[in-house]
Amino acid sequence: MDKINIGIVVAEFNYDITMMMLQRAREYAEFLGVNVSRVFRVPGTFDMPLAIKKLLKLDDVDGVVTLGAVIKGETDHHRVIMDNAARKITDLSLEFEKPVALGISGSGESRLQAEARIEMAKDAVESCVKMIKALRELK
């Protein structure tokens, strides 16, 4: 089977949390024998779809992992961010027929809850890799 190459799109908003997520994702990809061919940093979760689309167009990217933390603030802004990002992420996966794993924690979580969910970055890598393998078996 061909080597699996993934891209990672990571939000810089809540940097302390998301960079730890990126570290966990890279380590887990290495553990699985998966190559992280590209890492694309974006300002926030809302900015991810364009970066995801650019990565999905590349031949050396079999799937994309998204990493972010949408923490609840004073308003319901977090819901708008997460709902729109999740919807577009799904649309892009279907459009390009490549998996895009949702490794974005939230919405509505506190900072402590986001810190407790840093390890979910590994789950997103695993999900992406499993989907890539399953799709390859269909061919």
C-alpha atoms as a PDB file:
ATOM      1  CA  MET A   1       0.000   0.000   0.000  1.00  0.00           C
ATOM      2  CA  ASP A   2       1.224   3.491  -0.834  1.00  0.00           C
ATOM      3  CA  LYS A   3       2.476   5.763   1.912  1.00  0.00           C
ATOM      4  CA  ILE A   4      -0.243   7.884   3.509  1.00  0.00           C
ATOM      5  CA  ASN A   5       0.296  11.646   3.420  1.00  0.00           C
ATOM      6  CA  ILE A   6      -1.834  13.973   5.473  1.00  0.00           C
ATOM      7  CA  GLY A   7      -2.076  17.715   5.807  1.00  0.00           C
ATOM      8  CA  ILE A   8      -2.870  19.460   9.046  1.00  0.00           C
ATOM      9  CA  VAL A   9      -4.708  22.765   9.321  1.00  0.00           C
ATOM     10  CA  VAL A  10      -4.286  24.287  12.766  1.00  0.00           C
ATOM     11  CA  ALA A  11      -5.839  27.441  14.198  1.00  0.00           C
ATOM     12  CA  GLU A  12      -3.513  29.842  15.981  1.00  0.00           C
ATOM     13  CA  PHE A  13      -6.361  31.228  18.100  1.00  0.00           C
ATOM     14  CA  ASN A  14      -5.960  29.727  21.598  1.00  0.00           C
ATOM     15  CA  TYR A  15      -2.359  29.130  20.557  1.00  0.00           C
ATOM     16  CA  ASP A  16      -1.203  27.469  23.765  1.00  0.00           C
ATOM     17  CA  ILE A  17      -3.811  24.732  23.322  1.00  0.00           C
ATOM     18  CA  THR A  18      -3.696  24.312  19.549  1.00  0.00           C
ATOM     19  CA  MET A  19       0.082  24.053  19.355  1.00  0.00           C
ATOM     20  CA  MET A  20      -0.015  21.246  21.915  1.00  0.00           C
ATOM     21  CA  MET A  21      -2.676  19.610  19.741  1.00  0.00           C
ATOM     22  CA  LEU A  22      -0.387  19.959  16.730  1.00  0.00           C
ATOM     23  CA  GLN A  23       2.471  18.330  18.630  1.00  0.00           C
ATOM     24  CA  ARG A  24       0.243  15.378  19.645  1.00  0.00           C
ATOM     25  CA  ALA A  25      -1.049  15.001  16.083  1.00  0.00           C
ATOM     26  CA  ARG A  26       2.454  14.946  14.594  1.00  0.00           C
ATOM     27  CA  GLU A  27       3.685  12.438  17.169  1.00  0.00           C
ATOM     28  CA  TYR A  28       0.709  10.164  16.598  1.00  0.00           C
ATOM     29  CA  ALA A  29       1.053  10.353  12.812  1.00  0.00           C
ATOM     30  CA  GLU A  30       4.687   9.304  13.188  1.00  0.00           C
ATOM     31  CA  PHE A  31       3.613   6.440  15.488  1.00  0.00           C
ATOM     32  CA  LEU A  32       1.159   5.277  12.791  1.00  0.00           C
ATOM     33  CA  GLY A  33       3.809   5.545  10.065  1.00  0.00           C
ATOM     34  CA  VAL A  34       1.941   8.372   8.363  1.00  0.00           C
ATOM     35  CA  ASN A  35       3.708  11.308   6.727  1.00  0.00           C
ATOM     36  CA  VAL A  36       2.574  14.832   7.611  1.00  0.00           C
ATOM     37  CA  SER A  37       3.328  16.406   4.258  1.00  0.00           C
ATOM     38  CA  ARG A  38       1.958  19.879   5.027  1.00  0.00           C
ATOM     39  CA  VAL A  39       1.040  21.990   8.039  1.00  0.00           C
ATOM     40  CA  PHE A  40      -1.032  25.091   7.320  1.00  0.00           C
ATOM     41  CA  ARG A  41      -1.497  27.570  10.173  1.00  0.00           C
ATOM     42  CA  VAL A  42      -4.541  29.831  10.039  1.00  0.00           C
ATOM     43  CA  PRO A  43      -5.611  32.642  12.375  1.00  0.00           C
ATOM     44  CA  GLY A  44      -8.706  30.845  13.681  1.00  0.00           C
ATOM     45  CA  THR A  45     -11.154  28.010  13.138  1.00  0.00           C
ATOM     46  CA  PHE A  46     -13.367  30.167  10.914  1.00  0.00           C
ATOM     47  CA  ASP A  47     -10.399  30.608   8.530  1.00  0.00           C
ATOM     48  CA  MET A  48      -9.839  26.887   7.999  1.00  0.00           C
ATOM     49  CA  PRO A  49     -11.982  26.113   4.932  1.00  0.00           C
ATOM     50  CA  LEU A  50      -9.793  27.958   2.406  1.00  0.00           C
ATOM     51  CA  ALA A  51      -6.632  26.305   3.752  1.00  0.00           C
ATOM     52  CA  ILE A  52      -8.338  22.910   3.714  1.00  0.00           C
ATOM     53  CA  LYS A  53      -9.403  23.424   0.109  1.00  0.00           C
ATOM     54  CA  LYS A  54      -5.874  24.368  -0.955  1.00  0.00           C
ATOM     55  CA  LEU A  55      -4.448  21.254   0.728  1.00  0.00           C
ATOM     56  CA  LEU A  56      -7.093  18.928  -0.713  1.00  0.00           C
ATOM     57  CA  LYS A  57      -6.109  20.048  -4.218  1.00  0.00           C
ATOM     58  CA  LEU A  58      -2.536  18.810  -3.707  1.00  0.00           C
ATOM     59  CA  ASP A  59      -1.481  15.391  -4.998  1.00  0.00           C
ATOM     60  CA  ASP A  60       0.705  14.747  -1.944  1.00  0.00           C
ATOM     61  CA  VAL A  61      -2.200  15.133   0.494  1.00  0.00           C
ATOM     62  CA  ASP A  62      -4.515  12.138   0.944  1.00  0.00           C
ATOM     63  CA  GLY A  63      -6.554  13.725   3.727  1.00  0.00           C
ATOM     64  CA  VAL A  64      -6.594  16.638   6.138  1.00  0.00           C
ATOM     65  CA  VAL A  65      -6.749  16.882   9.911  1.00  0.00           C
ATOM     66  CA  THR A  66      -8.193  20.062  11.420  1.00  0.00           C
ATOM     67  CA  LEU A  67      -7.056  21.219  14.861  1.00  0.00           C
ATOM     68  CA  GLY A  68      -8.584  24.005  16.893  1.00  0.00           C
ATOM     69  CA  ALA A  69     -10.282  24.951  20.146  1.00  0.00           C
ATOM     70  CA  VAL A  70     -13.505  26.970  20.121  1.00  0.00           C
ATOM     71  CA  ILE A  71     -13.903  28.252  23.669  1.00  0.00           C
ATOM     72  CA  LYS A  72     -17.086  29.908  24.893  1.00  0.00           C
ATOM     73  CA  GLY A  73     -16.865  33.614  25.490  1.00  0.00           C
ATOM     74  CA  GLU A  74     -19.400  36.179  26.660  1.00  0.00           C
ATOM     75  CA  THR A  75     -21.708  35.665  23.655  1.00  0.00           C
ATOM     76  CA  ASP A  76     -22.840  32.846  21.377  1.00  0.00           C
ATOM     77  CA  HIS A  77     -20.163  33.743  18.805  1.00  0.00           C
ATOM     78  CA  HIS A  78     -18.534  30.342  19.408  1.00  0.00           C
ATOM     79  CA  ARG A  79     -21.618  28.606  17.971  1.00  0.00           C
ATOM     80  CA  VAL A  80     -21.486  30.621  14.753  1.00  0.00           C
ATOM     81  CA  ILE A  81     -17.789  29.805  14.334  1.00  0.00           C
ATOM     82  CA  MET A  82     -18.140  26.086  14.988  1.00  0.00           C
ATOM     83  CA  ASP A  83     -21.379  25.527  13.064  1.00  0.00           C
ATOM     84  CA  ASN A  84     -20.080  27.220   9.933  1.00  0.00           C
ATOM     85  CA  ALA A  85     -16.622  25.646  10.073  1.00  0.00           C
ATOM     86  CA  ALA A  86     -17.992  22.132  10.612  1.00  0.00           C
ATOM     87  CA  ARG A  87     -20.491  22.490   7.765  1.00  0.00           C
ATOM     88  CA  LYS A  88     -17.888  23.739   5.292  1.00  0.00           C
ATOM     89  CA  ILE A  89     -15.345  21.123   6.382  1.00  0.00           C
ATOM     90  CA  THR A  90     -17.900  18.410   5.582  1.00  0.00           C
ATOM     91  CA  ASP A  91     -18.714  20.030   2.237  1.00  0.00           C
ATOM     92  CA  LEU A  92     -15.018  20.135   1.252  1.00  0.00           C
ATOM     93  CA  SER A  93     -14.500  16.480   2.146  1.00  0.00           C
ATOM     94  CA  LEU A  94     -17.396  15.516  -0.100  1.00  0.00           C
ATOM     95  CA  GLU A  95     -16.341  17.857  -2.918  1.00  0.00           C
ATOM     96  CA  PHE A  96     -12.771  16.520  -3.091  1.00  0.00           C
ATOM     97  CA  GLU A  97     -13.578  12.944  -2.040  1.00  0.00           C
ATOM     98  CA  LYS A  98     -10.807  13.013   0.552  1.00  0.00           C
ATOM     99  CA  PRO A  99     -11.319  12.743   4.303  1.00  0.00           C
ATOM    100  CA  VAL A 100     -11.172  15.821   6.485  1.00  0.00           C
ATOM    101  CA  ALA A 101     -11.106  14.916  10.174  1.00  0.00           C
ATOM    102  CA  LEU A 102     -12.704  17.247  12.673  1.00  0.00           C
ATOM    103  CA  GLY A 103     -10.163  17.741  15.443  1.00  0.00           C
ATOM    104  CA  ILE A 104     -11.698  20.974  16.680  1.00  0.00           C
ATOM    105  CA  SER A 105     -12.866  20.906  20.282  1.00  0.00           C
ATOM    106  CA  GLY A 106     -15.865  22.962  21.313  1.00  0.00           C
ATOM    107  CA  SER A 107     -18.088  24.786  20.911  1.00  0.00           C
ATOM    108  CA  GLY A 108     -19.123  26.008  24.290  1.00  0.00           C
ATOM    109  CA  GLU A 109     -16.219  24.527  26.170  1.00  0.00           C
ATOM    110  CA  SER A 110     -14.272  26.318  28.863  1.00  0.00           C
ATOM    111  CA  ARG A 111     -10.508  26.788  28.701  1.00  0.00           C
ATOM    112  CA  LEU A 112     -10.080  23.938  31.206  1.00  0.00           C
ATOM    113  CA  GLN A 113     -12.241  21.653  29.068  1.00  0.00           C
ATOM    114  CA  ALA A 114     -10.225  22.605  25.980  1.00  0.00           C
ATOM    115  CA  GLU A 115      -6.997  21.761  27.793  1.00  0.00           C
ATOM    116  CA  ALA A 116      -8.452  18.388  28.807  1.00  0.00           C
ATOM    117  CA  ARG A 117      -9.269  17.683  25.145  1.00  0.00           C
ATOM    118  CA  ILE A 118      -5.793  18.310  23.693  1.00  0.00           C
ATOM    119  CA  GLU A 119      -5.337  14.570  23.231  1.00  0.00           C
ATOM    120  CA  MET A 120      -8.307  14.465  20.834  1.00  0.00           C
ATOM    121  CA  ALA A 121      -5.846  15.584  18.168  1.00  0.00           C
ATOM    122  CA  LYS A 122      -4.685  11.958  18.060  1.00  0.00           C
ATOM    123  CA  ASP A 123      -8.280  10.823  17.494  1.00  0.00           C
ATOM    124  CA  ALA A 124      -8.546  13.148  14.503  1.00  0.00           C
ATOM    125  CA  VAL A 125      -5.355  11.731  12.976  1.00  0.00           C
ATOM    126  CA  GLU A 126      -6.613   8.198  13.529  1.00  0.00           C
ATOM    127  CA  SER A 127      -9.982   9.021  11.968  1.00  0.00           C
ATOM    128  CA  CYS A 128      -8.363  10.556   8.893  1.00  0.00           C
ATOM    129  CA  VAL A 129      -5.998   7.605   8.424  1.00  0.00           C
ATOM    130  CA  LYS A 130      -8.795   5.043   8.834  1.00  0.00           C
ATOM    131  CA  MET A 131     -10.884   6.840   6.219  1.00  0.00           C
ATOM    132  CA  ILE A 132      -7.971   7.031   3.777  1.00  0.00           C
ATOM    133  CA  LYS A 133      -7.389   3.289   4.149  1.00  0.00           C
ATOM    134  CA  ALA A 134     -11.078   2.483   3.775  1.00  0.00           C
ATOM    135  CA  LEU A 135     -11.380   4.629   0.649  1.00  0.00           C
ATOM    136  CA  ARG A 136      -8.305   2.978  -0.876  1.00  0.00           C
ATOM    137  CA  GLU A 137      -9.909  -0.424  -0.371  1.00  0.00           C
ATOM    138  CA  LEU A 138     -12.896   0.687  -2.449  1.00  0.00           C
ATOM    139  CA  LYS A 139     -10.719   1.341  -5.495  1.00  0.00           C
END
